[in-house]
């Protein structure tokens, strides 16, 4: 039996991408290509998530309620982040397109990205390929931006992010009981 050594940040991205796929059929190679993660790492990630109780035995259905609990209450402690220097990048957290209509702030958070025109305080993304993968999938981008709210947001922002996460996941029809 393999020993579980804990979740990794890219495990969250894999679960979010499965949610973003919705009812579309996918294979591990599809996850790997869309997330810029190796196929072997996808397999390992799915194993860790299954062991943690965040995905079913077939590794196709995310237990969204369990994932939501982990994101809202644990993400900031397991994968903490501190806003850094001003850089050019892709807006995230409350500066993302999904959330900017809900909050007004002079502070913008961004993932470093040379092709983006926005400037803001740097947030290290959950995994290195996040910005590239998010450019190709708006639902995935929204879910990653919500994760950054859970990592750096204030109480009011986190409450709104939780509501938006529930709306996205309910729309994608992935709610599955454990």
N, C-alpha and C. Protein backbone atom coordinates (compact mmCIF):
# COMPACT_ATOMS: atom_id res chain seq x y z
N UNK A 1 0.84 -1.19 0.00
CA UNK A 1 0.00 0.00 0.00
C UNK A 1 0.88 1.25 0.00
N UNK A 2 0.53 2.17 -0.83
CA UNK A 2 1.28 3.41 -0.95
C UNK A 2 0.97 4.33 0.22
N UNK A 3 1.95 5.04 0.69
CA UNK A 3 1.76 6.00 1.78
C UNK A 3 1.38 7.34 1.18
N UNK A 4 0.33 7.92 1.73
CA UNK A 4 -0.12 9.24 1.26
C UNK A 4 0.74 10.31 1.92
N UNK A 5 1.36 11.14 1.11
CA UNK A 5 2.26 12.17 1.64
C UNK A 5 1.66 13.56 1.54
N UNK A 6 0.35 13.63 1.45
CA UNK A 6 -0.32 14.92 1.43
C UNK A 6 -0.62 15.43 0.04
N UNK A 7 -1.51 16.38 -0.01
CA UNK A 7 -1.92 16.99 -1.27
C UNK A 7 -0.83 17.94 -1.76
N UNK A 8 -0.83 18.16 -3.06
CA UNK A 8 0.05 19.14 -3.70
C UNK A 8 -0.82 20.19 -4.36
N UNK A 9 -0.29 21.38 -4.57
CA UNK A 9 -1.11 22.44 -5.16
C UNK A 9 -1.73 22.07 -6.51
N UNK A 10 -1.01 21.34 -7.35
CA UNK A 10 -1.56 20.99 -8.65
C UNK A 10 -2.74 20.03 -8.53
N UNK A 11 -2.88 19.35 -7.38
CA UNK A 11 -4.03 18.46 -7.17
C UNK A 11 -5.32 19.27 -7.19
N UNK A 12 -5.27 20.46 -6.64
CA UNK A 12 -6.45 21.33 -6.65
C UNK A 12 -6.77 21.72 -8.09
N UNK A 13 -5.76 22.05 -8.86
CA UNK A 13 -5.98 22.41 -10.27
C UNK A 13 -6.59 21.25 -11.04
N UNK A 14 -6.14 20.05 -10.79
CA UNK A 14 -6.68 18.87 -11.48
C UNK A 14 -8.16 18.72 -11.15
N UNK A 15 -8.51 18.84 -9.89
CA UNK A 15 -9.92 18.70 -9.49
C UNK A 15 -10.78 19.82 -10.10
N UNK A 16 -10.25 21.03 -10.12
CA UNK A 16 -10.99 22.15 -10.70
C UNK A 16 -11.18 21.96 -12.20
N UNK A 17 -10.18 21.41 -12.87
CA UNK A 17 -10.30 21.18 -14.31
C UNK A 17 -11.34 20.11 -14.60
N UNK A 18 -11.42 19.10 -13.76
CA UNK A 18 -12.46 18.07 -13.93
C UNK A 18 -13.84 18.72 -13.81
N UNK A 19 -13.98 19.61 -12.85
CA UNK A 19 -15.25 20.35 -12.70
C UNK A 19 -15.51 21.18 -13.95
N UNK A 20 -14.49 21.86 -14.45
CA UNK A 20 -14.64 22.70 -15.64
C UNK A 20 -15.03 21.87 -16.87
N UNK A 21 -14.57 20.63 -16.96
CA UNK A 21 -14.95 19.77 -18.08
C UNK A 21 -16.45 19.48 -18.08
N UNK A 22 -17.08 19.55 -16.90
CA UNK A 22 -18.51 19.27 -16.82
C UNK A 22 -18.81 17.84 -17.21
N UNK A 23 -19.80 17.66 -18.06
CA UNK A 23 -20.20 16.31 -18.47
C UNK A 23 -19.41 15.80 -19.67
N UNK A 24 -18.49 16.61 -20.15
CA UNK A 24 -17.64 16.21 -21.28
C UNK A 24 -16.77 15.03 -20.88
N UNK A 25 -16.67 14.04 -21.76
CA UNK A 25 -15.76 12.92 -21.50
C UNK A 25 -14.32 13.40 -21.58
N UNK A 26 -13.47 12.83 -20.74
CA UNK A 26 -12.06 13.20 -20.75
C UNK A 26 -11.23 11.99 -20.32
N UNK A 27 -9.97 12.07 -20.68
CA UNK A 27 -9.01 11.05 -20.26
C UNK A 27 -7.85 11.78 -19.57
N UNK A 28 -7.01 11.02 -18.91
CA UNK A 28 -5.88 11.63 -18.19
C UNK A 28 -5.02 12.48 -19.12
N UNK A 29 -4.84 12.03 -20.36
CA UNK A 29 -4.01 12.79 -21.30
C UNK A 29 -4.65 14.14 -21.61
N UNK A 30 -6.00 14.23 -21.57
CA UNK A 30 -6.68 15.51 -21.78
C UNK A 30 -6.40 16.47 -20.63
N UNK A 31 -6.44 15.93 -19.41
CA UNK A 31 -6.09 16.75 -18.24
C UNK A 31 -4.65 17.23 -18.34
N UNK A 32 -3.76 16.32 -18.68
CA UNK A 32 -2.34 16.66 -18.77
C UNK A 32 -2.10 17.77 -19.79
N UNK A 33 -2.68 17.63 -20.97
CA UNK A 33 -2.47 18.62 -22.02
C UNK A 33 -3.06 19.98 -21.65
N UNK A 34 -4.26 19.97 -21.09
CA UNK A 34 -4.91 21.25 -20.79
C UNK A 34 -4.32 21.96 -19.58
N UNK A 35 -3.69 21.21 -18.69
CA UNK A 35 -3.12 21.81 -17.48
C UNK A 35 -1.61 22.02 -17.55
N UNK A 36 -0.98 21.52 -18.61
CA UNK A 36 0.48 21.61 -18.75
C UNK A 36 1.17 20.88 -17.60
N UNK A 37 0.64 19.69 -17.31
CA UNK A 37 1.19 18.80 -16.28
C UNK A 37 1.44 17.45 -16.94
N UNK A 38 2.46 16.74 -16.55
CA UNK A 38 2.76 15.45 -17.17
C UNK A 38 1.66 14.43 -16.87
N UNK A 39 1.44 13.48 -17.79
CA UNK A 39 0.43 12.44 -17.56
C UNK A 39 0.69 11.63 -16.28
N UNK A 40 1.94 11.35 -15.98
CA UNK A 40 2.23 10.59 -14.76
C UNK A 40 1.84 11.39 -13.51
N UNK A 41 2.05 12.71 -13.55
CA UNK A 41 1.67 13.54 -12.41
C UNK A 41 0.14 13.62 -12.27
N UNK A 42 -0.57 13.56 -13.38
CA UNK A 42 -2.05 13.52 -13.32
C UNK A 42 -2.49 12.26 -12.60
N UNK A 43 -1.90 11.12 -12.95
CA UNK A 43 -2.24 9.85 -12.30
C UNK A 43 -1.96 9.92 -10.80
N UNK A 44 -0.79 10.42 -10.44
CA UNK A 44 -0.45 10.56 -9.02
C UNK A 44 -1.41 11.52 -8.31
N UNK A 45 -1.75 12.61 -8.97
CA UNK A 45 -2.67 13.60 -8.40
C UNK A 45 -4.04 12.98 -8.12
N UNK A 46 -4.55 12.24 -9.09
CA UNK A 46 -5.85 11.59 -8.91
C UNK A 46 -5.81 10.59 -7.76
N UNK A 47 -4.69 9.90 -7.60
CA UNK A 47 -4.53 8.95 -6.48
C UNK A 47 -4.56 9.69 -5.15
N UNK A 48 -3.84 10.80 -5.06
CA UNK A 48 -3.84 11.57 -3.81
C UNK A 48 -5.24 12.10 -3.50
N UNK A 49 -5.93 12.58 -4.51
CA UNK A 49 -7.27 13.13 -4.31
C UNK A 49 -8.26 12.05 -3.91
N UNK A 50 -8.12 10.87 -4.47
CA UNK A 50 -8.99 9.76 -4.08
C UNK A 50 -8.72 9.38 -2.63
N UNK A 51 -7.46 9.27 -2.26
CA UNK A 51 -7.10 8.93 -0.89
C UNK A 51 -7.64 9.98 0.09
N UNK A 52 -7.62 11.24 -0.31
CA UNK A 52 -8.10 12.33 0.55
C UNK A 52 -9.62 12.43 0.58
N UNK A 53 -10.31 11.67 -0.25
CA UNK A 53 -11.77 11.69 -0.25
C UNK A 53 -12.35 12.85 -1.04
N UNK A 54 -11.62 13.33 -2.03
CA UNK A 54 -12.09 14.46 -2.84
C UNK A 54 -12.59 14.03 -4.22
N UNK A 55 -12.42 12.75 -4.57
CA UNK A 55 -12.86 12.24 -5.86
C UNK A 55 -13.27 10.78 -5.67
N UNK A 56 -14.19 10.31 -6.52
CA UNK A 56 -14.69 8.95 -6.34
C UNK A 56 -13.69 7.90 -6.83
N UNK A 57 -14.06 6.64 -6.66
CA UNK A 57 -13.15 5.53 -6.98
C UNK A 57 -12.82 5.46 -8.47
N UNK A 58 -13.75 5.86 -9.33
CA UNK A 58 -13.47 5.85 -10.77
C UNK A 58 -12.60 7.02 -11.19
N UNK A 59 -12.39 7.95 -10.27
CA UNK A 59 -11.57 9.16 -10.47
C UNK A 59 -12.13 10.05 -11.58
N UNK A 60 -13.46 10.06 -11.68
CA UNK A 60 -14.11 10.88 -12.70
C UNK A 60 -15.05 11.93 -12.09
N UNK A 61 -15.52 11.70 -10.87
CA UNK A 61 -16.47 12.61 -10.23
C UNK A 61 -15.84 13.23 -8.99
N UNK A 62 -15.79 14.54 -8.97
CA UNK A 62 -15.27 15.27 -7.81
C UNK A 62 -16.36 15.35 -6.76
N UNK A 63 -16.00 15.11 -5.52
CA UNK A 63 -16.92 15.33 -4.40
C UNK A 63 -16.87 16.82 -4.10
N UNK A 64 -17.73 17.56 -4.75
CA UNK A 64 -17.67 19.02 -4.74
C UNK A 64 -17.85 19.59 -3.34
N UNK A 65 -18.74 19.02 -2.54
CA UNK A 65 -18.95 19.56 -1.19
C UNK A 65 -17.70 19.41 -0.33
N UNK A 66 -17.04 18.27 -0.44
CA UNK A 66 -15.78 18.07 0.31
C UNK A 66 -14.70 19.02 -0.20
N UNK A 67 -14.62 19.17 -1.52
CA UNK A 67 -13.63 20.09 -2.08
C UNK A 67 -13.91 21.51 -1.63
N UNK A 68 -15.18 21.91 -1.64
CA UNK A 68 -15.54 23.26 -1.19
C UNK A 68 -15.10 23.49 0.24
N UNK A 69 -15.36 22.53 1.12
CA UNK A 69 -14.91 22.67 2.51
C UNK A 69 -13.41 22.85 2.60
N UNK A 70 -12.68 22.03 1.85
CA UNK A 70 -11.23 22.14 1.86
C UNK A 70 -10.77 23.50 1.35
N UNK A 71 -11.36 23.96 0.25
CA UNK A 71 -10.95 25.24 -0.33
C UNK A 71 -11.25 26.40 0.61
N UNK A 72 -12.46 26.43 1.14
CA UNK A 72 -12.88 27.57 1.97
C UNK A 72 -12.14 27.60 3.30
N UNK A 73 -11.99 26.43 3.92
CA UNK A 73 -11.45 26.42 5.29
C UNK A 73 -9.99 25.97 5.41
N UNK A 74 -9.44 25.35 4.38
CA UNK A 74 -8.09 24.83 4.52
C UNK A 74 -7.04 25.35 3.55
N UNK A 75 -7.48 25.84 2.41
CA UNK A 75 -6.53 26.20 1.36
C UNK A 75 -5.51 27.24 1.82
N UNK A 76 -5.96 28.25 2.55
CA UNK A 76 -5.06 29.31 2.99
C UNK A 76 -4.00 28.81 3.97
N UNK A 77 -4.27 27.68 4.62
CA UNK A 77 -3.30 27.13 5.58
C UNK A 77 -2.36 26.12 4.93
N UNK A 78 -2.88 25.37 3.96
CA UNK A 78 -2.08 24.34 3.31
C UNK A 78 -1.21 24.92 2.20
N UNK A 79 -1.77 25.87 1.43
CA UNK A 79 -1.03 26.50 0.33
C UNK A 79 -1.10 28.01 0.48
N UNK A 80 -0.46 28.55 1.54
CA UNK A 80 -0.54 29.99 1.78
C UNK A 80 0.23 30.79 0.73
N UNK A 81 -0.11 32.05 0.63
CA UNK A 81 0.55 32.94 -0.31
C UNK A 81 0.52 34.35 0.27
N UNK A 82 1.55 35.10 -0.01
CA UNK A 82 1.62 36.51 0.37
C UNK A 82 1.74 37.33 -0.90
N UNK A 83 0.93 38.37 -1.06
CA UNK A 83 1.09 39.23 -2.24
C UNK A 83 2.50 39.81 -2.27
N UNK A 84 3.06 39.88 -3.48
CA UNK A 84 4.44 40.34 -3.63
C UNK A 84 4.56 41.64 -4.40
N UNK A 85 5.63 41.77 -5.12
CA UNK A 85 5.98 42.98 -5.86
C UNK A 85 4.97 43.28 -6.97
N UNK A 86 5.00 44.52 -7.44
CA UNK A 86 4.17 44.90 -8.58
C UNK A 86 4.76 44.30 -9.85
N UNK A 87 3.92 43.57 -10.59
CA UNK A 87 4.35 42.93 -11.83
C UNK A 87 3.22 43.02 -12.86
N UNK A 88 3.57 42.71 -14.08
CA UNK A 88 2.56 42.60 -15.12
C UNK A 88 2.05 41.17 -15.09
N UNK A 89 0.72 41.02 -15.18
CA UNK A 89 0.20 39.67 -15.12
C UNK A 89 -1.30 39.57 -15.36
N UNK A 90 -1.80 38.38 -15.13
CA UNK A 90 -3.20 38.02 -15.34
C UNK A 90 -3.95 38.22 -14.03
N UNK A 91 -5.02 39.03 -14.03
CA UNK A 91 -5.74 39.32 -12.79
C UNK A 91 -6.29 38.06 -12.13
N UNK A 92 -6.21 38.03 -10.81
CA UNK A 92 -6.74 36.91 -10.04
C UNK A 92 -7.39 37.43 -8.77
N UNK A 93 -7.96 36.53 -8.00
CA UNK A 93 -8.68 36.85 -6.77
C UNK A 93 -9.76 37.91 -7.08
N UNK A 94 -9.87 38.93 -6.24
CA UNK A 94 -10.95 39.93 -6.43
C UNK A 94 -10.71 40.81 -7.65
N UNK A 95 -9.55 40.76 -8.27
CA UNK A 95 -9.26 41.54 -9.48
C UNK A 95 -9.66 40.80 -10.76
N UNK A 96 -10.02 39.52 -10.64
CA UNK A 96 -10.39 38.74 -11.82
C UNK A 96 -11.71 39.23 -12.40
N UNK A 97 -11.95 38.98 -13.67
CA UNK A 97 -13.20 39.42 -14.29
C UNK A 97 -14.45 38.93 -13.54
N UNK A 98 -14.41 37.71 -13.01
CA UNK A 98 -15.56 37.16 -12.28
C UNK A 98 -15.88 37.97 -11.04
N UNK A 99 -14.87 38.44 -10.33
CA UNK A 99 -15.08 39.09 -9.04
C UNK A 99 -15.00 40.61 -9.04
N UNK A 100 -14.43 41.21 -10.07
CA UNK A 100 -14.23 42.66 -10.03
C UNK A 100 -15.54 43.43 -9.96
N UNK A 101 -16.63 42.84 -10.44
CA UNK A 101 -17.92 43.53 -10.35
C UNK A 101 -18.51 43.45 -8.94
N UNK A 102 -18.00 42.56 -8.12
CA UNK A 102 -18.50 42.40 -6.75
C UNK A 102 -17.71 43.24 -5.74
N UNK A 103 -16.48 43.60 -6.07
CA UNK A 103 -15.62 44.31 -5.13
C UNK A 103 -14.89 45.45 -5.82
N UNK A 104 -14.75 46.54 -5.12
CA UNK A 104 -13.90 47.62 -5.64
C UNK A 104 -12.68 47.71 -4.73
N UNK A 105 -11.53 47.76 -5.36
CA UNK A 105 -10.30 47.79 -4.59
C UNK A 105 -9.21 48.47 -5.42
N UNK A 106 -8.37 49.19 -4.74
CA UNK A 106 -7.22 49.79 -5.41
C UNK A 106 -6.11 48.76 -5.61
N UNK A 107 -6.14 47.69 -4.80
CA UNK A 107 -5.14 46.64 -4.90
C UNK A 107 -5.59 45.61 -5.92
N UNK A 108 -4.74 45.32 -6.87
CA UNK A 108 -4.99 44.25 -7.82
C UNK A 108 -3.99 43.14 -7.55
N UNK A 109 -4.46 41.90 -7.65
CA UNK A 109 -3.58 40.74 -7.56
C UNK A 109 -3.49 40.13 -8.93
N UNK A 110 -2.30 39.70 -9.31
CA UNK A 110 -2.08 39.09 -10.63
C UNK A 110 -1.14 37.90 -10.52
N UNK A 111 -1.30 36.96 -11.46
CA UNK A 111 -0.31 35.92 -11.66
C UNK A 111 0.70 36.47 -12.64
N UNK A 112 1.98 36.32 -12.42
CA UNK A 112 2.97 36.84 -13.36
C UNK A 112 2.73 36.27 -14.76
N UNK A 113 2.67 37.16 -15.76
CA UNK A 113 2.46 36.74 -17.14
C UNK A 113 2.91 37.86 -18.06
N UNK A 114 3.95 37.61 -18.82
CA UNK A 114 4.55 38.64 -19.67
C UNK A 114 3.61 39.13 -20.77
N UNK A 115 2.67 38.30 -21.20
CA UNK A 115 1.76 38.69 -22.27
C UNK A 115 0.56 39.52 -21.79
N UNK A 116 0.35 39.61 -20.50
CA UNK A 116 -0.79 40.36 -19.97
C UNK A 116 -0.45 41.83 -19.81
N UNK A 117 -1.46 42.66 -19.86
CA UNK A 117 -1.26 44.11 -19.76
C UNK A 117 -1.58 44.68 -18.38
N UNK A 118 -2.19 43.90 -17.52
CA UNK A 118 -2.55 44.37 -16.18
C UNK A 118 -1.31 44.43 -15.29
N UNK A 119 -1.35 45.36 -14.33
CA UNK A 119 -0.29 45.43 -13.33
C UNK A 119 -0.93 45.27 -11.96
N UNK A 120 -0.25 44.54 -11.11
CA UNK A 120 -0.76 44.34 -9.77
C UNK A 120 0.26 43.63 -8.91
N UNK A 121 -0.13 43.38 -7.66
CA UNK A 121 0.75 42.66 -6.75
C UNK A 121 0.74 41.18 -7.12
N UNK A 122 1.93 40.63 -7.20
CA UNK A 122 2.08 39.25 -7.63
C UNK A 122 1.54 38.26 -6.61
N UNK A 123 0.75 37.31 -7.11
CA UNK A 123 0.31 36.16 -6.34
C UNK A 123 0.90 34.94 -7.04
N UNK A 124 1.62 34.13 -6.32
CA UNK A 124 2.15 32.91 -6.91
C UNK A 124 0.97 31.97 -7.14
N UNK A 125 0.75 31.54 -8.40
CA UNK A 125 -0.39 30.66 -8.68
C UNK A 125 -0.22 29.30 -8.00
N UNK A 126 -1.31 28.55 -7.92
CA UNK A 126 -1.26 27.24 -7.28
C UNK A 126 -0.22 26.31 -7.91
N UNK A 127 -0.03 26.45 -9.21
CA UNK A 127 0.99 25.63 -9.86
C UNK A 127 1.52 26.42 -11.06
N UNK A 128 2.69 26.09 -11.56
CA UNK A 128 3.34 26.93 -12.58
C UNK A 128 2.56 27.13 -13.88
N UNK A 129 1.77 26.19 -14.34
CA UNK A 129 1.06 26.32 -15.60
C UNK A 129 -0.30 26.97 -15.50
N UNK A 130 -0.65 27.51 -14.34
CA UNK A 130 -2.00 28.03 -14.11
C UNK A 130 -2.41 29.12 -15.10
N UNK A 131 -1.58 30.10 -15.31
CA UNK A 131 -1.96 31.22 -16.19
C UNK A 131 -2.18 30.73 -17.62
N UNK A 132 -1.30 29.89 -18.13
CA UNK A 132 -1.46 29.38 -19.49
C UNK A 132 -2.73 28.55 -19.63
N UNK A 133 -2.98 27.69 -18.66
CA UNK A 133 -4.19 26.85 -18.71
C UNK A 133 -5.45 27.70 -18.58
N UNK A 134 -5.41 28.72 -17.74
CA UNK A 134 -6.57 29.58 -17.52
C UNK A 134 -6.92 30.39 -18.77
N UNK A 135 -5.93 30.73 -19.57
CA UNK A 135 -6.19 31.49 -20.80
C UNK A 135 -7.06 30.71 -21.78
N UNK A 136 -7.03 29.40 -21.69
CA UNK A 136 -7.74 28.56 -22.65
C UNK A 136 -9.09 28.07 -22.14
N UNK A 137 -9.43 28.36 -20.87
CA UNK A 137 -10.68 27.85 -20.29
C UNK A 137 -11.18 28.84 -19.24
N UNK A 138 -12.22 29.58 -19.59
CA UNK A 138 -12.72 30.63 -18.69
C UNK A 138 -13.31 30.07 -17.39
N UNK A 139 -13.93 28.90 -17.45
CA UNK A 139 -14.49 28.32 -16.22
C UNK A 139 -13.35 27.94 -15.28
N UNK A 140 -12.33 27.30 -15.83
CA UNK A 140 -11.16 26.94 -15.03
C UNK A 140 -10.51 28.19 -14.44
N UNK A 141 -10.39 29.23 -15.25
CA UNK A 141 -9.83 30.51 -14.79
C UNK A 141 -10.63 31.05 -13.60
N UNK A 142 -11.95 31.05 -13.73
CA UNK A 142 -12.80 31.54 -12.64
C UNK A 142 -12.60 30.73 -11.37
N UNK A 143 -12.52 29.41 -11.51
CA UNK A 143 -12.33 28.56 -10.34
C UNK A 143 -10.97 28.80 -9.67
N UNK A 144 -9.93 28.97 -10.47
CA UNK A 144 -8.60 29.27 -9.90
C UNK A 144 -8.59 30.63 -9.21
N UNK A 145 -9.26 31.62 -9.81
CA UNK A 145 -9.32 32.94 -9.20
C UNK A 145 -10.06 32.88 -7.87
N UNK A 146 -11.12 32.07 -7.80
CA UNK A 146 -11.84 31.89 -6.53
C UNK A 146 -10.93 31.26 -5.48
N UNK A 147 -10.09 30.33 -5.91
CA UNK A 147 -9.14 29.72 -4.98
C UNK A 147 -8.20 30.76 -4.39
N UNK A 148 -7.79 31.72 -5.22
CA UNK A 148 -6.92 32.77 -4.70
C UNK A 148 -7.65 33.67 -3.70
N UNK A 149 -8.95 33.85 -3.87
CA UNK A 149 -9.73 34.57 -2.85
C UNK A 149 -9.69 33.78 -1.55
N UNK A 150 -9.86 32.46 -1.64
CA UNK A 150 -9.80 31.64 -0.43
C UNK A 150 -8.41 31.69 0.21
N UNK A 151 -7.38 31.93 -0.58
CA UNK A 151 -6.01 31.98 -0.05
C UNK A 151 -5.66 33.34 0.56
N UNK A 152 -6.16 34.44 -0.02
CA UNK A 152 -5.73 35.77 0.43
C UNK A 152 -6.87 36.71 0.79
N UNK A 153 -8.11 36.27 0.59
CA UNK A 153 -9.26 37.17 0.76
C UNK A 153 -9.62 37.44 2.20
N UNK A 154 -10.40 38.48 2.34
CA UNK A 154 -10.98 38.84 3.64
C UNK A 154 -12.33 38.14 3.77
N UNK A 155 -12.93 38.19 4.95
CA UNK A 155 -14.15 37.43 5.24
C UNK A 155 -15.25 37.70 4.22
N UNK A 156 -15.52 38.95 3.90
CA UNK A 156 -16.59 39.29 2.96
C UNK A 156 -16.29 38.75 1.56
N UNK A 157 -15.05 38.83 1.14
CA UNK A 157 -14.65 38.31 -0.17
C UNK A 157 -14.79 36.79 -0.22
N UNK A 158 -14.39 36.13 0.87
CA UNK A 158 -14.48 34.67 0.93
C UNK A 158 -15.94 34.22 0.88
N UNK A 159 -16.81 34.93 1.57
CA UNK A 159 -18.24 34.58 1.52
C UNK A 159 -18.77 34.67 0.10
N UNK A 160 -18.44 35.74 -0.60
CA UNK A 160 -18.90 35.91 -1.99
C UNK A 160 -18.27 34.86 -2.89
N UNK A 161 -17.00 34.55 -2.68
CA UNK A 161 -16.32 33.53 -3.49
C UNK A 161 -16.97 32.17 -3.29
N UNK A 162 -17.38 31.87 -2.07
CA UNK A 162 -18.04 30.59 -1.79
C UNK A 162 -19.36 30.50 -2.56
N UNK A 163 -20.12 31.58 -2.57
CA UNK A 163 -21.39 31.61 -3.32
C UNK A 163 -21.13 31.39 -4.81
N UNK A 164 -20.14 32.08 -5.34
CA UNK A 164 -19.81 31.94 -6.76
C UNK A 164 -19.31 30.53 -7.09
N UNK A 165 -18.51 29.95 -6.20
CA UNK A 165 -18.04 28.58 -6.40
C UNK A 165 -19.23 27.63 -6.46
N UNK A 166 -20.19 27.81 -5.56
CA UNK A 166 -21.39 26.96 -5.55
C UNK A 166 -22.20 27.13 -6.83
N UNK A 167 -22.31 28.35 -7.31
CA UNK A 167 -23.05 28.59 -8.55
C UNK A 167 -22.38 27.89 -9.73
N UNK A 168 -21.07 28.00 -9.83
CA UNK A 168 -20.36 27.36 -10.93
C UNK A 168 -20.48 25.84 -10.85
N UNK A 169 -20.25 25.28 -9.68
CA UNK A 169 -20.27 23.82 -9.54
C UNK A 169 -21.68 23.27 -9.69
N UNK A 170 -22.69 23.97 -9.23
CA UNK A 170 -24.07 23.51 -9.42
C UNK A 170 -24.44 23.56 -10.89
N UNK A 171 -23.99 24.60 -11.58
CA UNK A 171 -24.26 24.73 -13.02
C UNK A 171 -23.61 23.60 -13.80
N UNK A 172 -22.43 23.17 -13.39
CA UNK A 172 -21.72 22.11 -14.09
C UNK A 172 -22.24 20.71 -13.70
N UNK A 173 -23.25 20.67 -12.77
CA UNK A 173 -23.89 19.41 -12.36
C UNK A 173 -22.90 18.38 -11.85
N UNK A 174 -22.00 18.81 -11.00
CA UNK A 174 -21.02 17.88 -10.44
C UNK A 174 -21.24 17.57 -8.99
N UNK A 175 -22.30 18.11 -8.40
CA UNK A 175 -22.50 17.87 -6.97
C UNK A 175 -22.74 16.38 -6.77
N UNK A 176 -21.91 15.79 -5.94
CA UNK A 176 -21.99 14.36 -5.70
C UNK A 176 -21.83 14.15 -4.19
N UNK A 177 -22.71 13.35 -3.62
CA UNK A 177 -22.58 13.07 -2.18
C UNK A 177 -21.47 12.07 -1.98
N UNK A 178 -21.01 12.01 -0.74
CA UNK A 178 -19.90 11.09 -0.46
C UNK A 178 -20.40 9.73 -0.07
